[in-house]
PDB file of N, CA and C in Angstrom:
ATOM      1  N   MET A   1       0.583  -1.040  -0.059  1.00  0.00           N
ATOM      2  CA  MET A   1      -0.304  -0.044   0.375  1.00  0.00           C
ATOM      3  C   MET A   1       0.867   1.356  -0.079  1.00  0.00           C
ATOM      4  N   ARG A   2       0.493   2.139  -0.533  1.00  0.00           N
ATOM      5  CA  ARG A   2       1.076   3.642  -0.826  1.00  0.00           C
ATOM      6  C   ARG A   2       0.550   4.766  -0.151  1.00  0.00           C
ATOM      7  N   PHE A   3       1.658   5.810   0.380  1.00  0.00           N
ATOM      8  CA  PHE A   3       0.721   6.740   1.014  1.00  0.00           C
ATOM      9  C   PHE A   3      -0.148   7.499   0.080  1.00  0.00           C
ATOM     10  N   PRO A   4      -1.145   8.324   0.690  1.00  0.00           N
ATOM     11  CA  PRO A   4      -1.738   9.203  -0.764  1.00  0.00           C
ATOM     12  C   PRO A   4      -0.660  10.518  -0.704  1.00  0.00           C
ATOM     13  N   THR A   5      -1.069  10.778  -2.362  1.00  0.00           N
ATOM     14  CA  THR A   5      -0.510  11.695  -2.860  1.00  0.00           C
ATOM     15  C   THR A   5      -0.579  13.363  -1.902  1.00  0.00           C
ATOM     16  N   LYS A   6      -0.144  14.247  -2.292  1.00  0.00           N
ATOM     17  CA  LYS A   6      -0.284  15.603  -2.454  1.00  0.00           C
ATOM     18  C   LYS A   6      -1.687  15.778  -3.004  1.00  0.00           C
ATOM     19  N   GLU A   7      -1.610  15.270  -4.244  1.00  0.00           N
ATOM     20  CA  GLU A   7      -3.399  16.227  -4.633  1.00  0.00           C
ATOM     21  C   GLU A   7      -4.316  15.302  -4.362  1.00  0.00           C
ATOM     22  N   GLU A   8      -4.279  14.151  -4.014  1.00  0.00           N
ATOM     23  CA  GLU A   8      -5.045  12.943  -3.046  1.00  0.00           C
ATOM     24  C   GLU A   8      -5.780  13.513  -1.311  1.00  0.00           C
ATOM     25  N   ASN A   9      -4.686  14.020  -0.985  1.00  0.00           N
ATOM     26  CA  ASN A   9      -4.624  14.737   0.349  1.00  0.00           C
ATOM     27  C   ASN A   9      -5.776  16.213  -0.141  1.00  0.00           C
ATOM     28  N   MET A  10      -5.153  16.903  -0.693  1.00  0.00           N
ATOM     29  CA  MET A  10      -5.669  18.019  -0.918  1.00  0.00           C
ATOM     30  C   MET A  10      -7.743  17.733  -1.518  1.00  0.00           C
ATOM     31  N   MET A  11      -7.560  16.545  -2.553  1.00  0.00           N
ATOM     32  CA  MET A  11      -8.869  16.500  -2.690  1.00  0.00           C
ATOM     33  C   MET A  11      -9.750  15.420  -1.674  1.00  0.00           C
ATOM     34  N   MET A  12      -9.387  15.175  -0.343  1.00  0.00           N
ATOM     35  CA  MET A  12      -9.884  14.540   0.691  1.00  0.00           C
ATOM     36  C   MET A  12     -10.104  16.013   1.517  1.00  0.00           C
ATOM     37  N   LYS A  13      -9.166  17.010   1.001  1.00  0.00           N
ATOM     38  CA  LYS A  13      -9.640  18.165   2.473  1.00  0.00           C
ATOM     39  C   LYS A  13     -10.904  19.110   2.160  1.00  0.00           C
ATOM     40  N   THR A  14     -10.683  18.804   0.698  1.00  0.00           N
ATOM     41  CA  THR A  14     -11.793  19.888  -0.369  1.00  0.00           C
ATOM     42  C   THR A  14     -12.964  18.568  -0.054  1.00  0.00           C
ATOM     43  N   ILE A  15     -12.981  17.699   0.118  1.00  0.00           N
ATOM     44  CA  ILE A  15     -14.355  16.636   0.014  1.00  0.00           C
ATOM     45  C   ILE A  15     -14.865  16.900   1.472  1.00  0.00           C
ATOM     46  N   GLU A  16     -14.002  16.781   3.037  1.00  0.00           N
ATOM     47  CA  GLU A  16     -14.120  16.417   3.958  1.00  0.00           C
ATOM     48  C   GLU A  16     -15.399  17.453   4.611  1.00  0.00           C
ATOM     49  N   PRO A  17     -15.578  18.656   4.328  1.00  0.00           N
ATOM     50  CA  PRO A  17     -17.077  19.252   4.855  1.00  0.00           C
ATOM     51  C   PRO A  17     -18.134  18.422   4.341  1.00  0.00           C
ATOM     52  N   TYR A  18     -18.089  17.725   3.647  1.00  0.00           N
ATOM     53  CA  TYR A  18     -19.814  17.285   2.876  1.00  0.00           C
ATOM     54  C   TYR A  18     -19.472  15.919   2.902  1.00  0.00           C
ATOM     55  N   LEU A  19     -18.766  15.437   4.024  1.00  0.00           N
ATOM     56  CA  LEU A  19     -18.712  13.672   4.813  1.00  0.00           C
ATOM     57  C   LEU A  19     -19.769  13.636   5.611  1.00  0.00           C
ATOM     58  N   ASP A  20     -20.656  13.037   5.887  1.00  0.00           N
ATOM     59  CA  ASP A  20     -21.025  12.414   7.322  1.00  0.00           C
ATOM     60  C   ASP A  20     -20.403  11.590   8.490  1.00  0.00           C
ATOM     61  N   ASN A  21     -20.841  11.379   9.180  1.00  0.00           N
ATOM     62  CA  ASN A  21     -20.111  10.484  10.517  1.00  0.00           C
ATOM     63  C   ASN A  21     -19.687   9.082  10.581  1.00  0.00           C
ATOM     64  N   HIS A  22     -20.264   8.973   9.212  1.00  0.00           N
ATOM     65  CA  HIS A  22     -20.167   7.488   8.355  1.00  0.00           C
ATOM     66  C   HIS A  22     -19.101   7.492   7.464  1.00  0.00           C
ATOM     67  N   CYS A  23     -18.303   8.552   7.140  1.00  0.00           N
ATOM     68  CA  CYS A  23     -17.713   9.502   5.682  1.00  0.00           C
ATOM     69  C   CYS A  23     -18.474   8.731   4.494  1.00  0.00           C
ATOM     70  N   LYS A  24     -19.612   8.530   4.670  1.00  0.00           N
ATOM     71  CA  LYS A  24     -20.603   8.855   3.805  1.00  0.00           C
ATOM     72  C   LYS A  24     -20.664  10.743   2.917  1.00  0.00           C
ATOM     73  N   LEU A  25     -20.764  11.138   1.373  1.00  0.00           N
ATOM     74  CA  LEU A  25     -21.241  11.642   0.635  1.00  0.00           C
ATOM     75  C   LEU A  25     -22.534  12.516   1.523  1.00  0.00           C
ATOM     76  N   LYS A  26     -22.951  13.389   1.893  1.00  0.00           N
ATOM     77  CA  LYS A  26     -24.281  13.663   2.450  1.00  0.00           C
ATOM     78  C   LYS A  26     -24.972  14.312   1.130  1.00  0.00           C
ATOM     79  N   ASP A  27     -26.426  14.380   0.895  1.00  0.00           N
ATOM     80  CA  ASP A  27     -27.232  14.239   0.413  1.00  0.00           C
ATOM     81  C   ASP A  27     -26.858  16.009  -0.524  1.00  0.00           C
ATOM     82  N   ASN A  28     -26.506  16.641   0.095  1.00  0.00           N
ATOM     83  CA  ASN A  28     -26.509  18.200  -0.321  1.00  0.00           C
ATOM     84  C   ASN A  28     -25.288  18.452  -0.933  1.00  0.00           C
ATOM     85  N   ALA A  29     -24.573  17.509  -0.908  1.00  0.00           N
ATOM     86  CA  ALA A  29     -23.236  18.025  -1.415  1.00  0.00           C
ATOM     87  C   ALA A  29     -23.089  18.098  -3.169  1.00  0.00           C
ATOM     88  N   PRO A  30     -22.546  19.097  -3.375  1.00  0.00           N
ATOM     89  CA  PRO A  30     -22.579  19.767  -4.907  1.00  0.00           C
ATOM     90  C   PRO A  30     -21.753  18.647  -6.170  1.00  0.00           C
ATOM     91  N   ASP A  31     -22.545  18.756  -6.959  1.00  0.00           N
ATOM     92  CA  ASP A  31     -22.141  17.538  -7.922  1.00  0.00           C
ATOM     93  C   ASP A  31     -20.336  18.064  -8.023  1.00  0.00           C
ATOM     94  N   GLU A  32     -20.190  19.016  -8.120  1.00  0.00           N
ATOM     95  CA  GLU A  32     -18.568  18.949  -8.363  1.00  0.00           C
ATOM     96  C   GLU A  32     -18.069  18.309  -7.342  1.00  0.00           C
ATOM     97  N   ILE A  33     -18.175  18.498  -5.796  1.00  0.00           N
ATOM     98  CA  ILE A  33     -17.828  17.463  -5.008  1.00  0.00           C
ATOM     99  C   ILE A  33     -18.131  15.942  -4.927  1.00  0.00           C
ATOM    100  N   LYS A  34     -19.150  15.239  -5.581  1.00  0.00           N
ATOM    101  CA  LYS A  34     -19.228  14.251  -5.998  1.00  0.00           C
ATOM    102  C   LYS A  34     -18.310  13.744  -7.353  1.00  0.00           C
ATOM    103  N   GLU A  35     -18.426  14.603  -7.954  1.00  0.00           N
ATOM    104  CA  GLU A  35     -16.997  14.296  -9.152  1.00  0.00           C
ATOM    105  C   GLU A  35     -15.739  13.704  -8.296  1.00  0.00           C
ATOM    106  N   LEU A  36     -15.438  14.718  -7.854  1.00  0.00           N
ATOM    107  CA  LEU A  36     -14.140  15.108  -6.886  1.00  0.00           C
ATOM    108  C   LEU A  36     -13.938  13.742  -6.275  1.00  0.00           C
ATOM    109  N   ALA A  37     -15.153  13.553  -5.465  1.00  0.00           N
ATOM    110  CA  ALA A  37     -15.139  12.366  -4.797  1.00  0.00           C
ATOM    111  C   ALA A  37     -14.640  11.050  -5.308  1.00  0.00           C
ATOM    112  N   GLU A  38     -15.496  10.816  -6.531  1.00  0.00           N
ATOM    113  CA  GLU A  38     -15.463   9.758  -7.568  1.00  0.00           C
ATOM    114  C   GLU A  38     -14.161   9.763  -7.709  1.00  0.00           C
ATOM    115  N   LYS A  39     -13.408  10.973  -8.303  1.00  0.00           N
ATOM    116  CA  LYS A  39     -11.895  11.193  -8.904  1.00  0.00           C
ATOM    117  C   LYS A  39     -10.936  10.485  -7.675  1.00  0.00           C
ATOM    118  N   LEU A  40     -10.859  11.286  -6.737  1.00  0.00           N
ATOM    119  CA  LEU A  40     -10.444  10.442  -5.784  1.00  0.00           C
ATOM    120  C   LEU A  40     -10.406   8.421  -5.090  1.00  0.00           C
ATOM    121  N   ARG A  41     -11.804   8.820  -5.079  1.00  0.00           N
ATOM    122  CA  ARG A  41     -11.926   6.962  -5.101  1.00  0.00           C
ATOM    123  C   ARG A  41     -11.229   6.181  -6.096  1.00  0.00           C
ATOM    124  N   GLU A  42     -11.095   6.626  -7.452  1.00  0.00           N
ATOM    125  CA  GLU A  42     -10.584   5.726  -8.447  1.00  0.00           C
ATOM    126  C   GLU A  42      -9.501   6.235  -8.331  1.00  0.00           C
ATOM    127  N   SER A  43      -8.558   7.182  -7.770  1.00  0.00           N
ATOM    128  CA  SER A  43      -7.233   7.375  -7.731  1.00  0.00           C
ATOM    129  C   SER A  43      -7.066   6.592  -6.655  1.00  0.00           C
ATOM    130  N   LEU A  44      -7.508   6.317  -5.656  1.00  0.00           N
ATOM    131  CA  LEU A  44      -7.094   5.432  -4.296  1.00  0.00           C
ATOM    132  C   LEU A  44      -7.026   3.769  -4.545  1.00  0.00           C
ATOM    133  N   ALA A  45      -7.742   3.085  -5.928  1.00  0.00           N
ATOM    134  CA  ALA A  45      -8.050   1.859  -6.081  1.00  0.00           C
ATOM    135  C   ALA A  45      -6.830   1.622  -6.251  1.00  0.00           C
ATOM    136  N   ASP A  46      -5.920   2.048  -6.521  1.00  0.00           N
ATOM    137  CA  ASP A  46      -4.829   1.094  -7.114  1.00  0.00           C
ATOM    138  C   ASP A  46      -3.441   1.376  -6.153  1.00  0.00           C
ATOM    139  N   ALA A  47      -3.974   2.179  -4.573  1.00  0.00           N
ATOM    140  CA  ALA A  47      -3.249   2.104  -3.473  1.00  0.00           C
ATOM    141  C   ALA A  47      -3.436   0.227  -2.462  1.00  0.00           C
ATOM    142  N   VAL A  48      -4.485   0.018  -2.300  1.00  0.00           N
ATOM    143  CA  VAL A  48      -5.328  -1.067  -2.450  1.00  0.00           C
ATOM    144  C   VAL A  48      -4.017  -2.044  -2.177  1.00  0.00           C
ATOM    145  N   CYS A  49      -4.460  -2.919  -1.500  1.00  0.00           N
ATOM    146  CA  CYS A  49      -3.154  -4.399  -1.604  1.00  0.00           C
ATOM    147  C   CYS A  49      -4.341  -5.382  -1.241  1.00  0.00           C
ATOM    148  N   TYR A  50      -4.485  -6.145  -2.556  1.00  0.00           N
ATOM    149  CA  TYR A  50      -5.377  -7.241  -2.652  1.00  0.00           C
ATOM    150  C   TYR A  50      -4.773  -8.395  -1.928  1.00  0.00           C
TER     151      TYR A  50
END
């Protein structure tokens, strides 16, 4: 597993206010935040060890 990149950390900080207590996006999150969250998920997918 690798550490998140600087760009991934910045994306997470941008998304963080729109996360609930279970780290799921809130319903009122703007579309641009939803797209950013999907981009972050895809970026981190290669960091997972299977």
